[in-house]
Amino acid sequence: MPLGELIPRWDPQPPREVVEAAKKLRYRAMILVGLIVNRETLFPDQWIYVHSPNAKVGRIQNFKNWSASMLPDPAKTSLGMEYFCSEGDEIWSMSDARLLELAMNDLSLMGWTTLGAPREGLVFRQAKAYPVYDSGYQKRLEIIHRFLSTIPNFQSVGRGGIHRYNNQDHSMYTVMLAVKNLFGEGHDLWSVNTESSCGGEPS
């Protein structure tokens, strides 16, 4: 659960400045439109970023290229069309049918006009997928972190729990270290991946 939702729900409430800091944390959402198309191969990459101003899609995952076991039929290709948005905006509010149509249109814009209709399609909505680094977020995090550090049996992990745009490896690593902490080790989960910044999809 992201800190912006977790902290305000506690009972009894944390100090007011902690609650206010958590409520001001901002996030970007993501919609993934999954398409299964009747083509064995489309492109060799695991994902590609799309920079065309004419397309709405930000990134395209090619799941088979991560692992063949992610798609049961080797004669087909499974694509994840990723749309970065905000809860309640135009893209987030689209119907599943409209999002499937949008995804196919974006594929056509990139030259894949011969794919035809996908055999299957499914829409996944992920609220608060990405923490936003806006002005003042670091000060708000300091307030929250200082409060959480006073609770000896509480650990927060992952992107939402630390409000850091970690990649998946770093996010899972915080979980692994948290388990080790349960057995007496003393890892600072908030220091994971502070030496570099990762990613950059949301816009």
Protein backbone atom coordinates (compact mmCIF):
# COMPACT_ATOMS: atom_id res chain seq x y z
CA MET A 1 0.00 0.00 0.00
CA PRO A 2 1.48 3.40 -0.91
CA LEU A 3 2.37 5.69 1.96
CA GLY A 4 -0.15 8.26 0.76
CA GLU A 5 -2.95 5.80 1.50
CA LEU A 6 -1.44 3.91 4.43
CA ILE A 7 -0.57 6.73 6.84
CA PRO A 8 -3.98 8.51 6.81
CA ARG A 9 -5.75 5.20 7.58
CA TRP A 10 -3.92 4.46 10.81
CA ASP A 11 -5.87 4.45 14.03
CA PRO A 12 -4.84 6.12 16.22
CA GLN A 13 -3.66 8.76 13.79
CA PRO A 14 0.02 9.68 13.59
CA PRO A 15 0.95 13.31 14.32
CA ARG A 16 -0.85 15.78 12.10
CA GLU A 17 2.28 16.85 10.19
CA VAL A 18 2.93 13.22 9.25
CA VAL A 19 -0.61 12.70 7.98
CA GLU A 20 -0.52 15.95 6.00
CA ALA A 21 2.82 15.03 4.48
CA ALA A 22 1.46 11.64 3.38
CA LYS A 23 -1.68 13.15 1.88
CA LYS A 24 0.44 15.46 -0.29
CA LEU A 25 2.42 12.65 -1.90
CA ARG A 26 1.46 12.34 -5.55
CA TYR A 27 1.40 9.41 -7.96
CA ARG A 28 0.99 8.52 -11.62
CA ALA A 29 -1.16 5.63 -12.72
CA MET A 30 -0.65 3.11 -15.49
CA ILE A 31 -2.99 1.19 -17.75
CA LEU A 32 -1.70 -1.92 -19.50
CA VAL A 33 -3.67 -3.11 -22.50
CA GLY A 34 -2.76 -6.73 -23.14
CA LEU A 35 -3.12 -7.90 -26.74
CA ILE A 36 -2.57 -11.36 -28.18
CA VAL A 37 -1.93 -11.14 -31.92
CA ASN A 38 -1.58 -13.80 -34.59
CA ARG A 39 2.08 -13.19 -35.33
CA GLU A 40 4.94 -15.36 -34.14
CA THR A 41 7.43 -12.47 -34.10
CA LEU A 42 7.03 -8.70 -34.11
CA PHE A 43 10.31 -7.31 -32.79
CA PRO A 44 13.30 -8.77 -30.91
CA ASP A 45 13.25 -6.48 -27.87
CA GLN A 46 11.60 -7.10 -24.50
CA TRP A 47 10.15 -3.61 -24.64
CA ILE A 48 10.30 -0.50 -26.73
CA TYR A 49 9.63 3.09 -25.74
CA VAL A 50 7.38 5.11 -28.03
CA HIS A 51 8.21 8.78 -28.57
CA SER A 52 5.85 9.64 -31.40
CA PRO A 53 3.59 12.58 -30.46
CA ASN A 54 0.84 10.95 -32.52
CA ALA A 55 0.62 7.86 -30.28
CA LYS A 56 -0.72 7.72 -26.75
CA VAL A 57 1.15 4.55 -25.76
CA GLY A 58 4.37 5.14 -23.81
CA ARG A 59 5.95 1.69 -23.82
CA ILE A 60 5.25 -1.69 -25.40
CA GLN A 61 6.18 -4.92 -23.62
CA ASN A 62 6.82 -8.05 -25.66
CA PHE A 63 6.26 -10.71 -23.02
CA LYS A 64 7.41 -13.69 -25.09
CA ASN A 65 10.84 -12.07 -25.40
CA TRP A 66 11.17 -12.02 -21.61
CA SER A 67 10.35 -15.72 -21.44
CA ALA A 68 8.70 -18.10 -23.88
CA SER A 69 6.78 -19.60 -20.96
CA MET A 70 4.83 -16.34 -20.59
CA LEU A 71 2.79 -17.22 -23.66
CA PRO A 72 1.33 -20.72 -24.08
CA ASP A 73 1.06 -20.56 -27.88
CA PRO A 74 4.46 -19.98 -29.57
CA ALA A 75 2.70 -19.04 -32.82
CA LYS A 76 1.31 -15.88 -31.23
CA THR A 77 2.74 -12.75 -29.63
CA SER A 78 1.55 -11.15 -26.39
CA LEU A 79 1.98 -7.38 -26.18
CA GLY A 80 1.48 -5.09 -23.21
CA MET A 81 0.62 -1.58 -24.37
CA GLU A 82 1.44 0.71 -21.44
CA TYR A 83 -0.38 4.02 -20.99
CA PHE A 84 0.86 6.44 -18.33
CA CYS A 85 -1.91 8.57 -16.92
CA SER A 86 -3.50 9.99 -13.78
CA GLU A 87 -6.52 8.62 -11.97
CA GLY A 88 -9.63 10.26 -13.34
CA ASP A 89 -8.07 11.72 -16.50
CA GLU A 90 -9.20 11.00 -20.08
CA ILE A 91 -7.23 7.79 -20.56
CA TRP A 92 -7.98 6.41 -17.09
CA SER A 93 -11.71 7.01 -17.66
CA MET A 94 -11.90 5.25 -21.03
CA SER A 95 -13.92 2.06 -21.28
CA ASP A 96 -12.06 -1.21 -21.83
CA ALA A 97 -13.43 -1.40 -25.37
CA ARG A 98 -12.15 2.10 -26.16
CA LEU A 99 -8.72 1.28 -24.70
CA LEU A 100 -8.45 -1.84 -26.84
CA GLU A 101 -9.31 0.25 -29.88
CA LEU A 102 -6.73 2.87 -28.87
CA ALA A 103 -4.04 0.21 -28.50
CA MET A 104 -4.72 -1.20 -31.96
CA ASN A 105 -4.69 2.29 -33.46
CA ASP A 106 -1.32 2.99 -31.83
CA LEU A 107 0.08 -0.23 -33.31
CA SER A 108 -1.14 0.91 -36.73
CA LEU A 109 0.61 4.26 -36.28
CA MET A 110 3.87 2.37 -35.86
CA GLY A 111 3.44 0.47 -39.10
CA TRP A 112 1.86 -2.74 -37.84
CA THR A 113 -1.22 -2.31 -39.97
CA THR A 114 -1.40 -5.95 -41.05
CA LEU A 115 -2.03 -7.40 -37.61
CA GLY A 116 -5.79 -7.31 -37.91
CA ALA A 117 -7.99 -7.59 -34.84
CA PRO A 118 -6.33 -9.20 -31.81
CA ARG A 119 -7.55 -12.65 -30.86
CA GLU A 120 -7.77 -11.59 -27.25
CA GLY A 121 -7.41 -8.40 -25.26
CA LEU A 122 -7.58 -7.43 -21.62
CA VAL A 123 -7.19 -4.16 -19.73
CA PHE A 124 -5.33 -3.81 -16.43
CA ARG A 125 -5.52 -0.58 -14.42
CA GLN A 126 -2.86 0.14 -11.80
CA ALA A 127 -3.52 3.17 -9.62
CA LYS A 128 -0.53 4.86 -7.97
CA ALA A 129 1.95 2.86 -10.02
CA TYR A 130 4.65 5.52 -9.97
CA PRO A 131 5.66 7.92 -7.19
CA VAL A 132 5.90 11.51 -8.39
CA TYR A 133 9.01 13.54 -7.58
CA ASP A 134 7.43 16.97 -7.31
CA SER A 135 8.63 20.05 -5.50
CA GLY A 136 8.70 19.38 -1.77
CA TYR A 137 8.33 15.61 -1.91
CA GLN A 138 11.71 15.03 -0.24
CA LYS A 139 10.80 17.16 2.76
CA ARG A 140 7.50 15.32 3.10
CA LEU A 141 9.29 11.97 2.94
CA GLU A 142 11.73 13.05 5.64
CA ILE A 143 8.80 13.78 7.96
CA ILE A 144 7.21 10.40 7.22
CA HIS A 145 10.47 8.46 7.47
CA ARG A 146 11.34 10.07 10.78
CA PHE A 147 7.98 9.00 12.20
CA LEU A 148 8.15 5.45 10.80
CA SER A 149 11.64 5.03 12.30
CA THR A 150 10.09 5.31 15.76
CA ILE A 151 8.04 2.12 15.22
CA PRO A 152 10.37 -0.84 15.85
CA ASN A 153 8.14 -3.57 14.41
CA PHE A 154 7.17 -1.80 11.18
CA GLN A 155 8.91 -1.94 7.80
CA SER A 156 7.84 -0.40 4.50
CA VAL A 157 9.04 -1.83 1.21
CA GLY A 158 8.82 -1.32 -2.55
CA ARG A 159 7.98 1.71 -4.63
CA GLY A 160 4.85 2.61 -2.72
CA GLY A 161 6.25 1.90 0.71
CA ILE A 162 9.33 4.05 0.26
CA HIS A 163 8.00 6.44 -2.41
CA ARG A 164 10.99 5.81 -4.63
CA TYR A 165 10.94 4.98 -8.31
CA ASN A 166 12.96 1.78 -7.93
CA ASN A 167 13.09 -0.78 -10.66
CA GLN A 168 11.55 -4.16 -9.91
CA ASP A 169 14.87 -5.67 -8.79
CA HIS A 170 15.45 -2.99 -6.18
CA SER A 171 11.84 -3.15 -5.04
CA MET A 172 12.04 -6.91 -4.46
CA TYR A 173 15.42 -6.45 -2.80
CA THR A 174 13.84 -4.24 -0.11
CA VAL A 175 11.44 -7.12 0.61
CA MET A 176 14.30 -9.60 0.92
CA LEU A 177 16.16 -7.31 3.31
CA ALA A 178 12.97 -6.77 5.33
CA VAL A 179 12.73 -10.54 5.86
CA LYS A 180 16.35 -10.63 7.00
CA ASN A 181 15.56 -7.83 9.45
CA LEU A 182 12.89 -10.07 11.00
CA PHE A 183 15.70 -12.47 11.87
CA GLY A 184 17.83 -9.87 13.59
CA GLU A 185 19.71 -8.08 10.81
CA GLY A 186 19.64 -4.31 10.62
CA HIS A 187 19.29 -3.25 6.99
CA ASP A 188 18.14 0.29 6.15
CA LEU A 189 15.53 -0.34 3.48
CA TRP A 190 15.33 3.35 2.65
CA SER A 191 18.95 3.37 1.50
CA VAL A 192 18.39 0.83 -1.29
CA ASN A 193 19.12 2.38 -4.70
CA THR A 194 19.91 5.84 -3.39
CA GLU A 195 23.07 5.92 -5.48
CA SER A 196 21.26 6.15 -8.82
CA SER A 197 17.95 6.88 -10.44
CA CYS A 198 16.15 4.28 -12.53
CA GLY A 199 13.45 4.22 -15.13
CA GLY A 200 11.73 7.25 -16.56
CA GLU A 201 8.56 6.02 -18.21
CA PRO A 202 5.93 8.29 -16.66
CA SER A 203 5.40 11.66 -18.20
